[in-house]
C-alpha cells in the first residue's frame, strides 16, 4: 500500500463542539407516522423503490396500507414485454454497420 491514509491528519471529533454529544449516539432517529414501508422479510427492495418513484412522479400519494409487490411486479413485467413486442414490430434503419 502507498501509506496515503497514514499521511493524513485525522479530525478529532471529540474536540468539535457540535459532535461532542454524538459520540455515543451518532445520529438522531425520527419516527414518522403513516409513512409507506416495505413489508418485513420482503426481498423486493428495487421494486419497492421503483413503485414509490412511479407513484411520486405521477404526483400520487404512495399508499401506506401496503403494496402488493408480486402483483405490481407482474404488471411491470407485462408492460416491459408489451413494449418489447411493439418495438420488435417497428422496422428501423441504423447507420451502424455490423462487423
N, C-alpha and C. Protein backbone atom coordinates (compact mmCIF):
# COMPACT_ATOMS: atom_id res chain seq x y z
N UNK A 1 0.85 -1.18 0.00
CA UNK A 1 0.00 0.00 0.00
C UNK A 1 0.89 1.24 0.00
N UNK A 2 0.33 2.33 -0.44
CA UNK A 2 1.11 3.57 -0.56
C UNK A 2 1.28 4.30 0.76
N UNK A 3 0.45 4.01 1.74
CA UNK A 3 0.51 4.73 3.02
C UNK A 3 -0.15 6.10 2.95
N UNK A 4 -0.93 6.33 1.89
CA UNK A 4 -1.59 7.63 1.71
C UNK A 4 -2.44 8.02 2.91
N UNK A 5 -3.24 7.08 3.40
CA UNK A 5 -4.12 7.39 4.52
C UNK A 5 -3.34 7.66 5.80
N UNK A 6 -2.19 7.06 5.94
CA UNK A 6 -1.36 7.30 7.12
C UNK A 6 -0.75 8.70 7.12
N UNK A 7 -0.68 9.33 5.97
CA UNK A 7 -0.08 10.66 5.85
C UNK A 7 -1.07 11.76 6.20
N UNK A 8 -2.34 11.46 6.26
CA UNK A 8 -3.36 12.48 6.51
C UNK A 8 -3.55 12.72 7.99
N UNK A 9 -3.80 13.97 8.34
CA UNK A 9 -4.10 14.35 9.71
C UNK A 9 -5.57 14.05 9.97
N UNK A 10 -5.85 13.25 10.95
CA UNK A 10 -7.22 12.87 11.27
C UNK A 10 -7.91 13.97 12.07
N UNK A 11 -9.21 14.12 11.87
CA UNK A 11 -10.00 15.07 12.63
C UNK A 11 -10.41 14.42 13.94
N UNK A 12 -10.14 15.09 15.03
CA UNK A 12 -10.53 14.60 16.35
C UNK A 12 -11.92 15.14 16.65
N UNK A 13 -12.95 14.31 16.43
CA UNK A 13 -14.33 14.76 16.59
C UNK A 13 -14.67 15.14 18.03
N UNK A 14 -13.92 14.64 18.99
CA UNK A 14 -14.21 14.98 20.40
C UNK A 14 -13.88 16.43 20.71
N UNK A 15 -13.11 17.09 19.87
CA UNK A 15 -12.77 18.50 20.11
C UNK A 15 -13.73 19.45 19.42
N UNK A 16 -14.62 18.94 18.60
CA UNK A 16 -15.58 19.79 17.88
C UNK A 16 -16.90 19.76 18.64
N UNK A 17 -17.34 20.93 19.09
CA UNK A 17 -18.49 21.03 19.98
C UNK A 17 -19.75 20.35 19.42
N UNK A 18 -20.04 20.58 18.16
CA UNK A 18 -21.27 20.05 17.58
C UNK A 18 -21.30 18.51 17.59
N UNK A 19 -20.14 17.86 17.64
CA UNK A 19 -20.07 16.40 17.64
C UNK A 19 -19.93 15.78 19.02
N UNK A 20 -19.70 16.59 20.04
CA UNK A 20 -19.40 16.04 21.36
C UNK A 20 -20.53 15.19 21.93
N UNK A 21 -21.78 15.58 21.71
CA UNK A 21 -22.90 14.78 22.23
C UNK A 21 -23.28 13.63 21.29
N UNK A 22 -22.60 13.51 20.18
CA UNK A 22 -22.91 12.47 19.20
C UNK A 22 -22.00 11.25 19.31
N UNK A 23 -21.05 11.27 20.20
CA UNK A 23 -20.08 10.18 20.27
C UNK A 23 -20.73 8.85 20.63
N UNK A 24 -21.73 8.86 21.49
CA UNK A 24 -22.42 7.62 21.86
C UNK A 24 -23.64 7.34 21.01
N UNK A 25 -24.19 8.38 20.38
CA UNK A 25 -25.38 8.27 19.56
C UNK A 25 -25.13 9.08 18.29
N UNK A 26 -24.53 8.48 17.26
CA UNK A 26 -24.03 9.23 16.12
C UNK A 26 -25.09 9.94 15.27
N UNK A 27 -26.32 9.52 15.33
CA UNK A 27 -27.34 10.23 14.55
C UNK A 27 -28.68 10.15 15.26
N UNK A 28 -29.53 11.12 14.96
CA UNK A 28 -30.87 11.16 15.54
C UNK A 28 -31.82 10.37 14.65
N UNK A 29 -32.73 9.65 15.27
CA UNK A 29 -33.73 8.88 14.55
C UNK A 29 -35.07 9.57 14.75
N UNK A 30 -35.77 9.82 13.67
CA UNK A 30 -37.09 10.40 13.74
C UNK A 30 -38.10 9.36 13.25
N UNK A 31 -39.12 9.14 14.03
CA UNK A 31 -40.17 8.21 13.64
C UNK A 31 -41.32 9.00 13.05
N UNK A 32 -41.74 8.63 11.86
CA UNK A 32 -42.81 9.33 11.17
C UNK A 32 -43.99 8.38 11.05
N UNK A 33 -45.14 8.85 11.48
CA UNK A 33 -46.35 8.02 11.42
C UNK A 33 -46.90 7.98 10.01
N UNK A 34 -47.53 6.88 9.68
CA UNK A 34 -48.24 6.67 8.43
C UNK A 34 -47.38 6.91 7.19
N UNK A 35 -46.15 6.43 7.23
CA UNK A 35 -45.28 6.51 6.06
C UNK A 35 -45.20 5.11 5.44
N UNK A 36 -45.12 5.08 4.13
CA UNK A 36 -45.08 3.79 3.45
C UNK A 36 -43.78 3.06 3.82
N UNK A 37 -43.91 1.77 4.06
CA UNK A 37 -42.77 0.95 4.42
C UNK A 37 -42.83 -0.36 3.66
N UNK A 38 -41.67 -0.86 3.38
CA UNK A 38 -41.59 -2.16 2.72
C UNK A 38 -41.96 -3.25 3.73
N UNK A 39 -42.63 -4.27 3.26
CA UNK A 39 -43.03 -5.37 4.12
C UNK A 39 -41.80 -6.07 4.69
N UNK A 40 -41.83 -6.37 5.97
CA UNK A 40 -40.72 -7.05 6.62
C UNK A 40 -40.52 -8.42 5.97
N UNK A 41 -39.30 -8.74 5.65
CA UNK A 41 -38.99 -10.02 5.03
C UNK A 41 -39.09 -10.02 3.52
N UNK A 42 -39.58 -8.91 2.96
CA UNK A 42 -39.69 -8.83 1.51
C UNK A 42 -38.32 -8.58 0.89
N UNK A 43 -38.06 -9.23 -0.21
CA UNK A 43 -36.78 -9.06 -0.90
C UNK A 43 -36.95 -8.25 -2.18
N UNK A 44 -37.97 -7.41 -2.22
CA UNK A 44 -38.28 -6.63 -3.42
C UNK A 44 -37.84 -5.18 -3.25
N UNK A 45 -36.62 -4.94 -2.75
CA UNK A 45 -36.17 -3.57 -2.47
C UNK A 45 -36.20 -2.68 -3.71
N UNK A 46 -35.61 -3.14 -4.79
CA UNK A 46 -35.55 -2.32 -6.01
C UNK A 46 -36.95 -2.07 -6.55
N UNK A 47 -37.79 -3.08 -6.51
CA UNK A 47 -39.17 -2.93 -6.97
C UNK A 47 -39.91 -1.93 -6.09
N UNK A 48 -39.72 -2.01 -4.79
CA UNK A 48 -40.37 -1.09 -3.86
C UNK A 48 -39.97 0.35 -4.17
N UNK A 49 -38.69 0.59 -4.39
CA UNK A 49 -38.21 1.94 -4.71
C UNK A 49 -38.79 2.41 -6.05
N UNK A 50 -38.81 1.51 -7.04
CA UNK A 50 -39.35 1.87 -8.35
C UNK A 50 -40.84 2.21 -8.27
N UNK A 51 -41.58 1.45 -7.48
CA UNK A 51 -43.01 1.71 -7.32
C UNK A 51 -43.23 3.07 -6.67
N UNK A 52 -42.48 3.34 -5.61
CA UNK A 52 -42.61 4.64 -4.93
C UNK A 52 -42.27 5.78 -5.88
N UNK A 53 -41.20 5.62 -6.66
CA UNK A 53 -40.81 6.66 -7.62
C UNK A 53 -41.89 6.85 -8.68
N UNK A 54 -42.50 5.76 -9.12
CA UNK A 54 -43.56 5.82 -10.12
C UNK A 54 -44.76 6.60 -9.57
N UNK A 55 -45.19 6.26 -8.36
CA UNK A 55 -46.30 6.98 -7.74
C UNK A 55 -45.97 8.47 -7.62
N UNK A 56 -44.80 8.78 -7.09
CA UNK A 56 -44.42 10.18 -6.85
C UNK A 56 -44.25 10.96 -8.14
N UNK A 57 -43.71 10.32 -9.19
CA UNK A 57 -43.54 11.02 -10.47
C UNK A 57 -44.88 11.33 -11.12
N UNK A 58 -45.90 10.56 -10.80
CA UNK A 58 -47.25 10.83 -11.30
C UNK A 58 -48.01 11.78 -10.39
N UNK A 59 -47.35 12.27 -9.33
CA UNK A 59 -47.99 13.20 -8.40
C UNK A 59 -48.99 12.53 -7.48
N UNK A 60 -48.86 11.22 -7.30
CA UNK A 60 -49.79 10.47 -6.46
C UNK A 60 -49.20 10.24 -5.08
N UNK A 61 -50.06 10.06 -4.11
CA UNK A 61 -49.64 9.69 -2.76
C UNK A 61 -49.37 8.19 -2.74
N UNK A 62 -48.22 7.80 -2.24
CA UNK A 62 -47.90 6.38 -2.14
C UNK A 62 -48.77 5.79 -1.04
N UNK A 63 -49.55 4.75 -1.34
CA UNK A 63 -50.42 4.17 -0.31
C UNK A 63 -49.60 3.58 0.84
N UNK A 64 -50.06 3.83 2.06
CA UNK A 64 -49.33 3.32 3.22
C UNK A 64 -49.99 2.10 3.82
N UNK A 65 -50.95 1.53 3.11
CA UNK A 65 -51.63 0.34 3.63
C UNK A 65 -51.08 -0.94 3.01
N UNK A 66 -49.89 -0.82 2.45
CA UNK A 66 -49.24 -2.00 1.88
C UNK A 66 -49.38 -2.05 0.37
N UNK A 67 -48.33 -2.44 -0.27
CA UNK A 67 -48.32 -2.60 -1.71
C UNK A 67 -48.18 -4.08 -2.02
N UNK A 68 -48.96 -4.55 -2.97
CA UNK A 68 -48.86 -5.95 -3.38
C UNK A 68 -47.71 -6.05 -4.39
N UNK A 69 -46.52 -6.29 -3.88
CA UNK A 69 -45.31 -6.28 -4.71
C UNK A 69 -45.38 -7.31 -5.84
N UNK A 70 -45.92 -8.47 -5.57
CA UNK A 70 -45.99 -9.52 -6.59
C UNK A 70 -46.91 -9.11 -7.73
N UNK A 71 -48.05 -8.52 -7.40
CA UNK A 71 -48.98 -8.06 -8.43
C UNK A 71 -48.36 -6.93 -9.25
N UNK A 72 -47.70 -5.98 -8.57
CA UNK A 72 -47.07 -4.88 -9.27
C UNK A 72 -45.89 -5.36 -10.13
N UNK A 73 -45.15 -6.36 -9.64
CA UNK A 73 -44.05 -6.92 -10.42
C UNK A 73 -44.57 -7.52 -11.73
N UNK A 74 -45.69 -8.23 -11.64
CA UNK A 74 -46.29 -8.82 -12.84
C UNK A 74 -46.76 -7.73 -13.80
N UNK A 75 -47.30 -6.65 -13.24
CA UNK A 75 -47.75 -5.54 -14.08
C UNK A 75 -46.60 -4.89 -14.83
N UNK A 76 -45.50 -4.63 -14.12
CA UNK A 76 -44.32 -4.04 -14.77
C UNK A 76 -43.72 -5.00 -15.79
N UNK A 77 -43.69 -6.28 -15.48
CA UNK A 77 -43.17 -7.27 -16.42
C UNK A 77 -44.01 -7.29 -17.70
N UNK A 78 -45.33 -7.20 -17.54
CA UNK A 78 -46.23 -7.17 -18.69
C UNK A 78 -45.99 -5.93 -19.55
N UNK A 79 -45.82 -4.77 -18.89
CA UNK A 79 -45.54 -3.54 -19.63
C UNK A 79 -44.23 -3.64 -20.42
N UNK A 80 -43.20 -4.19 -19.79
CA UNK A 80 -41.92 -4.34 -20.48
C UNK A 80 -42.03 -5.32 -21.66
N UNK A 81 -42.75 -6.40 -21.46
CA UNK A 81 -42.94 -7.38 -22.54
C UNK A 81 -43.69 -6.73 -23.70
N UNK A 82 -44.77 -5.99 -23.39
CA UNK A 82 -45.56 -5.33 -24.42
C UNK A 82 -44.70 -4.31 -25.17
N UNK A 83 -43.91 -3.55 -24.45
CA UNK A 83 -43.01 -2.57 -25.07
C UNK A 83 -42.04 -3.27 -26.02
N UNK A 84 -41.47 -4.38 -25.58
CA UNK A 84 -40.55 -5.14 -26.43
C UNK A 84 -41.21 -5.67 -27.68
N UNK A 85 -42.44 -6.17 -27.53
CA UNK A 85 -43.18 -6.68 -28.69
C UNK A 85 -43.47 -5.56 -29.69
N UNK A 86 -43.91 -4.41 -29.19
CA UNK A 86 -44.21 -3.29 -30.08
C UNK A 86 -42.94 -2.79 -30.77
N UNK A 87 -41.85 -2.74 -30.05
CA UNK A 87 -40.60 -2.27 -30.62
C UNK A 87 -40.11 -3.24 -31.70
N UNK A 88 -40.32 -4.52 -31.50
CA UNK A 88 -39.89 -5.52 -32.48
C UNK A 88 -40.69 -5.41 -33.78
N UNK A 89 -41.90 -4.88 -33.71
CA UNK A 89 -42.76 -4.76 -34.90
C UNK A 89 -42.42 -3.54 -35.75
N UNK A 90 -41.68 -2.59 -35.19
CA UNK A 90 -41.37 -1.36 -35.90
C UNK A 90 -40.06 -1.53 -36.67
N UNK A 91 -40.13 -1.43 -37.99
CA UNK A 91 -38.88 -1.53 -38.75
C UNK A 91 -38.06 -0.25 -38.54
N UNK A 92 -36.78 -0.41 -38.45
CA UNK A 92 -35.91 0.76 -38.26
C UNK A 92 -34.62 0.55 -39.04
N UNK A 93 -34.01 1.66 -39.34
CA UNK A 93 -32.73 1.62 -40.05
C UNK A 93 -31.67 2.22 -39.15
N UNK A 94 -30.49 1.72 -39.28
CA UNK A 94 -29.38 2.21 -38.46
C UNK A 94 -28.18 2.49 -39.35
N UNK A 95 -27.44 3.53 -39.01
CA UNK A 95 -26.21 3.84 -39.73
C UNK A 95 -25.05 2.99 -39.24
N UNK A 96 -25.25 2.25 -38.19
CA UNK A 96 -24.18 1.44 -37.62
C UNK A 96 -24.08 0.14 -38.41
N UNK A 97 -22.90 -0.13 -38.90
CA UNK A 97 -22.67 -1.36 -39.67
C UNK A 97 -22.13 -2.43 -38.74
N UNK A 98 -22.72 -3.60 -38.80
CA UNK A 98 -22.22 -4.72 -38.01
C UNK A 98 -20.87 -5.15 -38.56
N UNK A 99 -19.96 -5.57 -37.69
CA UNK A 99 -18.63 -6.02 -38.17
C UNK A 99 -18.72 -7.31 -38.95
